[in-house]
Amino acid sequence: MSVLLTIPARYASTRYPGKPLVSLKGPDGEKTLIRRSWEAAQGVKGVDRVVVATDDDRIKTHAESFGAEVVMTSSACQNGTERCAEVAAKLPGYEMVVNLQGDAPLTPAWFVEDLIAGLRSDPQADIATPVLRCDGRALNGFLADRRAGRVGGTTAVFGVGGRALYFSKEVIPYTGKTFADEDATPVFHHVGVYAYRPRALRAYLSWPVGPLEVLEGLEQLRFLEQGRNVLCVEVEAKGRQFWELNNPEDVPRIEAMMAEMAGA
């Protein structure tokens, strides 16, 4: 199965304008978010082509400066999935399209590799996405964000066979329990990576935006609202920390995680 990996990146983020060009300090120096995401993509096995998809010349110029291939997309794209659909139409012939969102530079390569394997092994699934069981430290971070009025990570609930039931920016399912940092919890962090069959991407563009997608601001809910099969693939952290850059407050958190992982 030939695989096209696309990194959507837009400058005009509602919550964090200019986010792809924000610098993150790590043990390897200071690099932008989009560069770190592109470098993460280079480590994924089984991918035939990696492109950055953007509608912004500033991002294009910067991405090309460190060697990335860039595909320009319409400013009318409402989310990363729509941007990936446009790229897939411009670069046809791939049997799978992966969306590695440009705000998750800590995504381990095996998350994406397991995702690709999961969709390949389940012909009934239209798309697949990784989920990571939260330990107490991650869950407590989510809850602290919500108490502070910030949108942190997204959580997922799924049923038999990994079929997604719902995704939310609230912490679901409700537990009412207190967990120590090292405890396993029943809450799963949705990792913002997707693998699509091209037919599902084509269909996505034809569907209206549904009320749940509007309320939650989560693009994957359009698939669920249309009754499509979304496969949740559980991945293992293997001692790695994971966090997405959603708000300016996440920058020091991610920098601390990179420093901690380098010193481990």
C-alpha atoms as a PDB file:
ATOM      1  CA  MET A   1       0.000   0.000   0.000  1.00  0.00           C
ATOM      2  CA  SER A   2       1.632   3.262  -1.124  1.00  0.00           C
ATOM      3  CA  VAL A   3       1.454   5.964   1.539  1.00  0.00           C
ATOM      4  CA  LEU A   4       1.431   9.749   1.181  1.00  0.00           C
ATOM      5  CA  LEU A   5       2.105  11.588   4.449  1.00  0.00           C
ATOM      6  CA  THR A   6       0.799  15.151   4.561  1.00  0.00           C
ATOM      7  CA  ILE A   7       1.539  17.759   7.236  1.00  0.00           C
ATOM      8  CA  PRO A   8      -1.204  20.426   7.136  1.00  0.00           C
ATOM      9  CA  ALA A   9      -0.035  23.813   8.388  1.00  0.00           C
ATOM     10  CA  ARG A  10      -2.011  27.055   8.452  1.00  0.00           C
ATOM     11  CA  TYR A  11      -0.888  30.408   9.739  1.00  0.00           C
ATOM     12  CA  ALA A  12      -4.303  31.790  10.681  1.00  0.00           C
ATOM     13  CA  SER A  13      -5.032  29.536  13.648  1.00  0.00           C
ATOM     14  CA  THR A  14      -7.901  30.904  15.739  1.00  0.00           C
ATOM     15  CA  ARG A  15      -6.374  29.964  19.079  1.00  0.00           C
ATOM     16  CA  TYR A  16      -2.717  30.510  18.175  1.00  0.00           C
ATOM     17  CA  PRO A  17      -2.028  32.589  15.037  1.00  0.00           C
ATOM     18  CA  GLY A  18       1.301  31.818  13.410  1.00  0.00           C
ATOM     19  CA  LYS A  19       1.649  28.567  15.342  1.00  0.00           C
ATOM     20  CA  PRO A  20       3.632  26.594  12.684  1.00  0.00           C
ATOM     21  CA  LEU A  21       6.423  29.191  12.832  1.00  0.00           C
ATOM     22  CA  VAL A  22       6.686  29.270  16.632  1.00  0.00           C
ATOM     23  CA  SER A  23      10.164  28.281  17.832  1.00  0.00           C
ATOM     24  CA  LEU A  24      10.668  25.441  20.278  1.00  0.00           C
ATOM     25  CA  LYS A  25      13.921  25.108  22.212  1.00  0.00           C
ATOM     26  CA  GLY A  26      15.207  21.572  22.498  1.00  0.00           C
ATOM     27  CA  PRO A  27      18.472  19.730  23.164  1.00  0.00           C
ATOM     28  CA  ASP A  28      19.163  20.029  19.418  1.00  0.00           C
ATOM     29  CA  GLY A  29      18.710  23.790  19.436  1.00  0.00           C
ATOM     30  CA  GLU A  30      15.858  26.083  18.495  1.00  0.00           C
ATOM     31  CA  LYS A  31      13.595  24.954  15.651  1.00  0.00           C
ATOM     32  CA  THR A  32      10.131  25.897  14.495  1.00  0.00           C
ATOM     33  CA  LEU A  33       7.091  23.740  15.177  1.00  0.00           C
ATOM     34  CA  ILE A  34       6.643  22.899  11.494  1.00  0.00           C
ATOM     35  CA  ARG A  35      10.282  21.856  11.169  1.00  0.00           C
ATOM     36  CA  ARG A  36      10.076  19.601  14.201  1.00  0.00           C
ATOM     37  CA  SER A  37       6.892  18.035  12.820  1.00  0.00           C
ATOM     38  CA  TRP A  38       8.549  17.482   9.430  1.00  0.00           C
ATOM     39  CA  GLU A  39      11.591  15.913  11.096  1.00  0.00           C
ATOM     40  CA  ALA A  40       9.290  13.604  13.060  1.00  0.00           C
ATOM     41  CA  ALA A  41       7.716  12.507   9.767  1.00  0.00           C
ATOM     42  CA  GLN A  42      11.118  11.622   8.323  1.00  0.00           C
ATOM     43  CA  GLY A  43      11.504   8.886  10.914  1.00  0.00           C
ATOM     44  CA  VAL A  44       8.310   7.036   9.963  1.00  0.00           C
ATOM     45  CA  LYS A  45       8.909   3.764   8.107  1.00  0.00           C
ATOM     46  CA  GLY A  46       6.703   2.676   5.234  1.00  0.00           C
ATOM     47  CA  VAL A  47       5.949   6.171   3.909  1.00  0.00           C
ATOM     48  CA  ASP A  48       6.572   6.885   0.234  1.00  0.00           C
ATOM     49  CA  ARG A  49       6.333  10.686   0.233  1.00  0.00           C
ATOM     50  CA  VAL A  50       6.137  13.500   2.796  1.00  0.00           C
ATOM     51  CA  VAL A  51       4.706  16.934   1.950  1.00  0.00           C
ATOM     52  CA  VAL A  52       3.786  20.072   3.878  1.00  0.00           C
ATOM     53  CA  ALA A  53       0.360  21.427   2.882  1.00  0.00           C
ATOM     54  CA  THR A  54      -0.268  25.124   3.467  1.00  0.00           C
ATOM     55  CA  ASP A  55      -1.985  28.183   2.043  1.00  0.00           C
ATOM     56  CA  ASP A  56       0.566  30.620   3.446  1.00  0.00           C
ATOM     57  CA  ASP A  57       3.676  31.852   1.626  1.00  0.00           C
ATOM     58  CA  ARG A  58       5.534  32.437   4.891  1.00  0.00           C
ATOM     59  CA  ILE A  59       5.169  28.794   5.844  1.00  0.00           C
ATOM     60  CA  LYS A  60       6.017  27.689   2.294  1.00  0.00           C
ATOM     61  CA  THR A  61       9.233  29.721   2.204  1.00  0.00           C
ATOM     62  CA  HIS A  62      10.320  28.527   5.622  1.00  0.00           C
ATOM     63  CA  ALA A  63       9.491  24.855   4.963  1.00  0.00           C
ATOM     64  CA  GLU A  64      11.390  24.850   1.678  1.00  0.00           C
ATOM     65  CA  SER A  65      14.388  26.405   3.445  1.00  0.00           C
ATOM     66  CA  PHE A  66      14.922  23.199   5.440  1.00  0.00           C
ATOM     67  CA  GLY A  67      14.219  20.870   2.511  1.00  0.00           C
ATOM     68  CA  ALA A  68      10.509  20.096   2.774  1.00  0.00           C
ATOM     69  CA  GLU A  69       8.332  19.535  -0.284  1.00  0.00           C
ATOM     70  CA  VAL A  70       5.380  21.945  -0.142  1.00  0.00           C
ATOM     71  CA  VAL A  71       1.962  21.668  -1.774  1.00  0.00           C
ATOM     72  CA  MET A  72      -0.054  24.882  -1.797  1.00  0.00           C
ATOM     73  CA  THR A  73      -3.712  24.455  -0.907  1.00  0.00           C
ATOM     74  CA  SER A  74      -6.776  26.667  -0.799  1.00  0.00           C
ATOM     75  CA  SER A  75      -7.343  29.152   2.010  1.00  0.00           C
ATOM     76  CA  ALA A  76     -10.943  27.888   2.028  1.00  0.00           C
ATOM     77  CA  CYS A  77      -9.911  24.602   3.688  1.00  0.00           C
ATOM     78  CA  GLN A  78     -11.620  24.494   7.074  1.00  0.00           C
ATOM     79  CA  ASN A  79      -9.375  21.876   8.674  1.00  0.00           C
ATOM     80  CA  GLY A  80      -6.470  19.533   8.118  1.00  0.00           C
ATOM     81  CA  THR A  81      -8.627  16.771   6.662  1.00  0.00           C
ATOM     82  CA  GLU A  82      -9.949  19.074   3.950  1.00  0.00           C
ATOM     83  CA  ARG A  83      -6.372  20.182   3.248  1.00  0.00           C
ATOM     84  CA  CYS A  84      -5.279  16.539   2.961  1.00  0.00           C
ATOM     85  CA  ALA A  85      -8.167  15.850   0.580  1.00  0.00           C
ATOM     86  CA  GLU A  86      -6.986  18.673  -1.655  1.00  0.00           C
ATOM     87  CA  VAL A  87      -3.424  17.333  -1.619  1.00  0.00           C
ATOM     88  CA  ALA A  88      -4.659  13.814  -2.434  1.00  0.00           C
ATOM     89  CA  ALA A  89      -6.528  15.202  -5.447  1.00  0.00           C
ATOM     90  CA  LYS A  90      -3.377  16.986  -6.649  1.00  0.00           C
ATOM     91  CA  LEU A  91      -1.140  13.956  -6.014  1.00  0.00           C
ATOM     92  CA  PRO A  92      -3.311  10.950  -7.000  1.00  0.00           C
ATOM     93  CA  GLY A  93      -2.323   7.312  -7.035  1.00  0.00           C
ATOM     94  CA  TYR A  94      -1.569   6.693  -3.359  1.00  0.00           C
ATOM     95  CA  GLU A  95      -3.520   3.974  -1.596  1.00  0.00           C
ATOM     96  CA  MET A  96      -3.419   5.667   1.812  1.00  0.00           C
ATOM     97  CA  VAL A  97      -3.090   9.271   2.944  1.00  0.00           C
ATOM     98  CA  VAL A  98      -1.708  10.043   6.410  1.00  0.00           C
ATOM     99  CA  ASN A  99      -2.408  13.339   8.142  1.00  0.00           C
ATOM    100  CA  LEU A 100       0.352  14.160  10.629  1.00  0.00           C
ATOM    101  CA  GLN A 101      -0.919  17.412  12.045  1.00  0.00           C
ATOM    102  CA  GLY A 102       1.726  20.060  12.329  1.00  0.00           C
ATOM    103  CA  ASP A 103       1.182  20.744  16.027  1.00  0.00           C
ATOM    104  CA  ALA A 104       2.396  17.401  17.375  1.00  0.00           C
ATOM    105  CA  PRO A 105       6.206  17.323  17.103  1.00  0.00           C
ATOM    106  CA  LEU A 106       6.500  14.744  19.886  1.00  0.00           C
ATOM    107  CA  THR A 107       4.600  12.104  17.870  1.00  0.00           C
ATOM    108  CA  PRO A 108       6.758   8.942  17.928  1.00  0.00           C
ATOM    109  CA  ALA A 109       7.308   7.196  14.593  1.00  0.00           C
ATOM    110  CA  TRP A 110       5.724   3.984  15.858  1.00  0.00           C
ATOM    111  CA  PHE A 111       2.412   5.768  16.492  1.00  0.00           C
ATOM    112  CA  VAL A 112       2.162   6.432  12.761  1.00  0.00           C
ATOM    113  CA  GLU A 113       3.532   3.032  11.778  1.00  0.00           C
ATOM    114  CA  ASP A 114       0.976   1.262  13.993  1.00  0.00           C
ATOM    115  CA  LEU A 115      -1.742   3.464  12.532  1.00  0.00           C
ATOM    116  CA  ILE A 116      -0.816   2.533   8.966  1.00  0.00           C
ATOM    117  CA  ALA A 117      -0.757  -1.155   9.908  1.00  0.00           C
ATOM    118  CA  GLY A 118      -4.144  -0.843  11.625  1.00  0.00           C
ATOM    119  CA  LEU A 119      -5.913   0.639   8.605  1.00  0.00           C
ATOM    120  CA  ARG A 120      -4.217  -1.832   6.274  1.00  0.00           C
ATOM    121  CA  SER A 121      -5.508  -4.766   8.338  1.00  0.00           C
ATOM    122  CA  ASP A 122      -9.119  -3.533   8.611  1.00  0.00           C
ATOM    123  CA  PRO A 123     -10.793  -3.220   5.192  1.00  0.00           C
ATOM    124  CA  GLN A 124     -14.075  -2.050   6.786  1.00  0.00           C
ATOM    125  CA  ALA A 125     -12.499   1.066   8.284  1.00  0.00           C
ATOM    126  CA  ASP A 126     -12.673   4.326   6.344  1.00  0.00           C
ATOM    127  CA  ILE A 127     -10.087   6.062   8.495  1.00  0.00           C
ATOM    128  CA  ALA A 128      -7.904   5.175  11.458  1.00  0.00           C
ATOM    129  CA  THR A 129      -6.513   7.280  14.281  1.00  0.00           C
ATOM    130  CA  PRO A 130      -4.273   6.482  17.292  1.00  0.00           C
ATOM    131  CA  VAL A 131      -5.344   6.581  20.922  1.00  0.00           C
ATOM    132  CA  LEU A 132      -3.034   6.490  23.919  1.00  0.00           C
ATOM    133  CA  ARG A 133      -4.138   5.377  27.374  1.00  0.00           C
ATOM    134  CA  CYS A 134      -3.566   8.259  29.784  1.00  0.00           C
ATOM    135  CA  ASP A 135      -1.521   7.769  32.886  1.00  0.00           C
ATOM    136  CA  GLY A 136      -2.475   9.854  35.898  1.00  0.00           C
ATOM    137  CA  ARG A 137       0.010  12.558  35.000  1.00  0.00           C
ATOM    138  CA  ALA A 138      -1.545  13.107  31.569  1.00  0.00           C
ATOM    139  CA  LEU A 139      -5.116  12.895  32.842  1.00  0.00           C
ATOM    140  CA  ASN A 140      -4.432  15.349  35.662  1.00  0.00           C
ATOM    141  CA  GLY A 141      -2.952  17.713  33.068  1.00  0.00           C
ATOM    142  CA  PHE A 142      -6.148  17.501  31.007  1.00  0.00           C
ATOM    143  CA  LEU A 143      -8.304  18.179  34.060  1.00  0.00           C
ATOM    144  CA  ALA A 144      -6.133  21.127  35.112  1.00  0.00           C
ATOM    145  CA  ASP A 145      -6.470  22.630  31.634  1.00  0.00           C
ATOM    146  CA  ARG A 146     -10.258  22.333  31.739  1.00  0.00           C
ATOM    147  CA  ARG A 147     -10.448  23.902  35.206  1.00  0.00           C
ATOM    148  CA  ALA A 148      -8.389  26.807  33.867  1.00  0.00           C
ATOM    149  CA  GLY A 149     -10.697  27.205  30.886  1.00  0.00           C
ATOM    150  CA  ARG A 150      -8.094  25.978  28.397  1.00  0.00           C
ATOM    151  CA  VAL A 151      -8.662  23.392  25.684  1.00  0.00           C
ATOM    152  CA  GLY A 152      -6.030  20.730  26.234  1.00  0.00           C
ATOM    153  CA  GLY A 153      -5.937  17.380  24.501  1.00  0.00           C
ATOM    154  CA  THR A 154      -8.840  15.508  22.945  1.00  0.00           C
ATOM    155  CA  THR A 155     -10.147  12.276  24.452  1.00  0.00           C
ATOM    156  CA  ALA A 156     -11.761   9.313  22.680  1.00  0.00           C
ATOM    157  CA  VAL A 157     -14.159   6.537  23.579  1.00  0.00           C
ATOM    158  CA  PHE A 158     -14.496   3.443  21.432  1.00  0.00           C
ATOM    159  CA  GLY A 159     -16.263   0.102  21.432  1.00  0.00           C
ATOM    160  CA  VAL A 160     -15.708  -3.453  20.258  1.00  0.00           C
ATOM    161  CA  GLY A 161     -13.079  -3.783  17.557  1.00  0.00           C
ATOM    162  CA  GLY A 162     -11.792  -0.285  18.237  1.00  0.00           C
ATOM    163  CA  ARG A 163     -14.762   1.391  16.532  1.00  0.00           C
ATOM    164  CA  ALA A 164     -14.882   5.036  17.605  1.00  0.00           C
ATOM    165  CA  LEU A 165     -17.993   6.106  19.521  1.00  0.00           C
ATOM    166  CA  TYR A 166     -17.081   9.735  20.209  1.00  0.00           C
ATOM    167  CA  PHE A 167     -14.271  12.260  20.479  1.00  0.00           C
ATOM    168  CA  SER A 168     -14.394  15.289  22.766  1.00  0.00           C
ATOM    169  CA  LYS A 169     -12.359  18.182  24.088  1.00  0.00           C
ATOM    170  CA  GLU A 170     -13.939  17.417  27.422  1.00  0.00           C
ATOM    171  CA  VAL A 171     -12.417  14.609  29.467  1.00  0.00           C
ATOM    172  CA  ILE A 172     -14.457  11.471  28.741  1.00  0.00           C
ATOM    173  CA  PRO A 173     -15.449   9.035  30.065  1.00  0.00           C
ATOM    174  CA  TYR A 174     -16.152  10.537  33.486  1.00  0.00           C
ATOM    175  CA  THR A 175     -14.434   8.623  36.284  1.00  0.00           C
ATOM    176  CA  GLY A 176     -14.708  10.711  39.462  1.00  0.00           C
ATOM    177  CA  LYS A 177     -11.552   9.058  40.754  1.00  0.00           C
ATOM    178  CA  THR A 178      -8.156  10.424  41.720  1.00  0.00           C
ATOM    179  CA  PHE A 179      -5.126   8.906  40.008  1.00  0.00           C
ATOM    180  CA  ALA A 180      -1.451   9.093  40.934  1.00  0.00           C
ATOM    181  CA  ASP A 181       0.917  10.171  38.157  1.00  0.00           C
ATOM    182  CA  GLU A 182       2.021   6.621  37.356  1.00  0.00           C
ATOM    183  CA  ASP A 183      -1.451   5.027  37.465  1.00  0.00           C
ATOM    184  CA  ALA A 184      -3.132   3.702  34.321  1.00  0.00           C
ATOM    185  CA  THR A 185      -6.530   5.324  33.771  1.00  0.00           C
ATOM    186  CA  PRO A 186      -9.627   4.472  31.683  1.00  0.00           C
ATOM    187  CA  VAL A 187      -9.246   7.704  29.688  1.00  0.00           C
ATOM    188  CA  PHE A 188      -7.680   7.641  26.216  1.00  0.00           C
ATOM    189  CA  HIS A 189      -5.882  10.609  24.694  1.00  0.00           C
ATOM    190  CA  HIS A 190      -6.698  11.000  21.022  1.00  0.00           C
ATOM    191  CA  VAL A 191      -3.473  11.511  19.096  1.00  0.00           C
ATOM    192  CA  GLY A 192      -4.065  13.974  16.245  1.00  0.00           C
ATOM    193  CA  VAL A 193      -2.913  11.733  13.408  1.00  0.00           C
ATOM    194  CA  TYR A 194      -5.142  10.135  10.780  1.00  0.00           C
ATOM    195  CA  ALA A 195      -4.805   7.569   8.014  1.00  0.00           C
ATOM    196  CA  TYR A 196      -7.499   7.774   5.344  1.00  0.00           C
ATOM    197  CA  ARG A 197      -8.555   5.728   2.386  1.00  0.00           C
ATOM    198  CA  PRO A 198      -8.680   8.143  -0.577  1.00  0.00           C
ATOM    199  CA  ARG A 199     -12.363   7.381  -1.199  1.00  0.00           C
ATOM    200  CA  ALA A 200     -13.163   8.547   2.352  1.00  0.00           C
ATOM    201  CA  LEU A 201     -11.304  11.819   1.768  1.00  0.00           C
ATOM    202  CA  ARG A 202     -13.216  12.438  -1.448  1.00  0.00           C
ATOM    203  CA  ALA A 203     -16.522  11.800   0.323  1.00  0.00           C
ATOM    204  CA  TYR A 204     -15.566  14.055   3.236  1.00  0.00           C
ATOM    205  CA  LEU A 205     -15.496  17.120   1.011  1.00  0.00           C
ATOM    206  CA  SER A 206     -19.052  16.435  -0.172  1.00  0.00           C
ATOM    207  CA  TRP A 207     -20.574  16.227   3.318  1.00  0.00           C
ATOM    208  CA  PRO A 208     -21.973  19.245   5.151  1.00  0.00           C
ATOM    209  CA  VAL A 209     -20.357  20.265   8.422  1.00  0.00           C
ATOM    210  CA  GLY A 210     -22.431  18.645  11.169  1.00  0.00           C
ATOM    211  CA  PRO A 211     -23.522  20.112  14.515  1.00  0.00           C
ATOM    212  CA  LEU A 212     -21.147  17.973  16.594  1.00  0.00           C
ATOM    213  CA  GLU A 213     -18.155  19.020  14.510  1.00  0.00           C
ATOM    214  CA  VAL A 214     -19.165  22.648  15.030  1.00  0.00           C
ATOM    215  CA  LEU A 215     -19.690  22.285  18.786  1.00  0.00           C
ATOM    216  CA  GLU A 216     -16.478  20.386  19.491  1.00  0.00           C
ATOM    217  CA  GLY A 217     -14.330  21.858  16.742  1.00  0.00           C
ATOM    218  CA  LEU A 218     -13.164  18.334  15.853  1.00  0.00           C
ATOM    219  CA  GLU A 219     -12.918  17.456  12.173  1.00  0.00           C
ATOM    220  CA  GLN A 220     -13.092  13.671  12.682  1.00  0.00           C
ATOM    221  CA  LEU A 221     -16.647  13.952  14.005  1.00  0.00           C
ATOM    222  CA  ARG A 222     -17.850  14.581  10.447  1.00  0.00           C
ATOM    223  CA  PHE A 223     -17.046  10.925   9.699  1.00  0.00           C
ATOM    224  CA  LEU A 224     -18.993   9.709  12.739  1.00  0.00           C
ATOM    225  CA  GLU A 225     -21.947  11.966  11.970  1.00  0.00           C
ATOM    226  CA  GLN A 226     -22.076  10.371   8.516  1.00  0.00           C
ATOM    227  CA  GLY A 227     -22.036   6.858  10.004  1.00  0.00           C
ATOM    228  CA  ARG A 228     -18.561   5.997   8.731  1.00  0.00           C
ATOM    229  CA  ASN A 229     -16.254   3.523  10.443  1.00  0.00           C
ATOM    230  CA  VAL A 230     -13.445   5.217  12.347  1.00  0.00           C
ATOM    231  CA  LEU A 231     -10.885   2.801  13.761  1.00  0.00           C
ATOM    232  CA  CYS A 232      -9.126   3.707  17.010  1.00  0.00           C
ATOM    233  CA  VAL A 233      -5.694   2.081  17.131  1.00  0.00           C
ATOM    234  CA  GLU A 234      -4.264   1.861  20.634  1.00  0.00           C
ATOM    235  CA  VAL A 235      -0.581   2.769  20.692  1.00  0.00           C
ATOM    236  CA  GLU A 236       2.037   2.418  23.409  1.00  0.00           C
ATOM    237  CA  ALA A 237       3.995   5.326  24.846  1.00  0.00           C
ATOM    238  CA  LYS A 238       7.073   3.155  25.563  1.00  0.00           C
ATOM    239  CA  GLY A 239       8.231   5.718  28.094  1.00  0.00           C
ATOM    240  CA  ARG A 240       7.836   8.652  25.721  1.00  0.00           C
ATOM    241  CA  GLN A 241       5.784  11.696  26.661  1.00  0.00           C
ATOM    242  CA  PHE A 242       3.295  13.108  24.198  1.00  0.00           C
ATOM    243  CA  TRP A 243       1.582  16.476  23.988  1.00  0.00           C
ATOM    244  CA  GLU A 244       0.171  18.707  21.249  1.00  0.00           C
ATOM    245  CA  LEU A 245       0.799  22.410  20.917  1.00  0.00           C
ATOM    246  CA  ASN A 246      -2.698  23.874  21.195  1.00  0.00           C
ATOM    247  CA  ASN A 247      -2.075  27.058  23.207  1.00  0.00           C
ATOM    248  CA  PRO A 248       0.888  29.371  23.907  1.00  0.00           C
ATOM    249  CA  GLU A 249       1.018  27.825  27.397  1.00  0.00           C
ATOM    250  CA  ASP A 250       1.954  24.495  25.792  1.00  0.00           C
ATOM    251  CA  VAL A 251       5.326  25.768  24.526  1.00  0.00           C
ATOM    252  CA  PRO A 252       7.193  25.499  27.869  1.00  0.00           C
ATOM    253  CA  ARG A 253       5.428  22.199  28.578  1.00  0.00           C
ATOM    254  CA  ILE A 254       6.672  20.667  25.306  1.00  0.00           C
ATOM    255  CA  GLU A 255      10.153  22.146  25.750  1.00  0.00           C
ATOM    256  CA  ALA A 256      10.333  20.596  29.224  1.00  0.00           C
ATOM    257  CA  MET A 257       9.236  17.227  27.820  1.00  0.00           C
ATOM    258  CA  MET A 258      11.924  17.357  25.122  1.00  0.00           C
ATOM    259  CA  ALA A 259      14.575  18.178  27.721  1.00  0.00           C
ATOM    260  CA  GLU A 260      13.362  15.406  30.006  1.00  0.00           C
ATOM    261  CA  MET A 261      13.374  12.820  27.215  1.00  0.00           C
ATOM    262  CA  ALA A 262      16.871  13.857  26.130  1.00  0.00           C
ATOM    263  CA  GLY A 263      18.156  13.374  29.674  1.00  0.00           C
ATOM    264  CA  ALA A 264      16.480  10.002  30.197  1.00  0.00           C
END
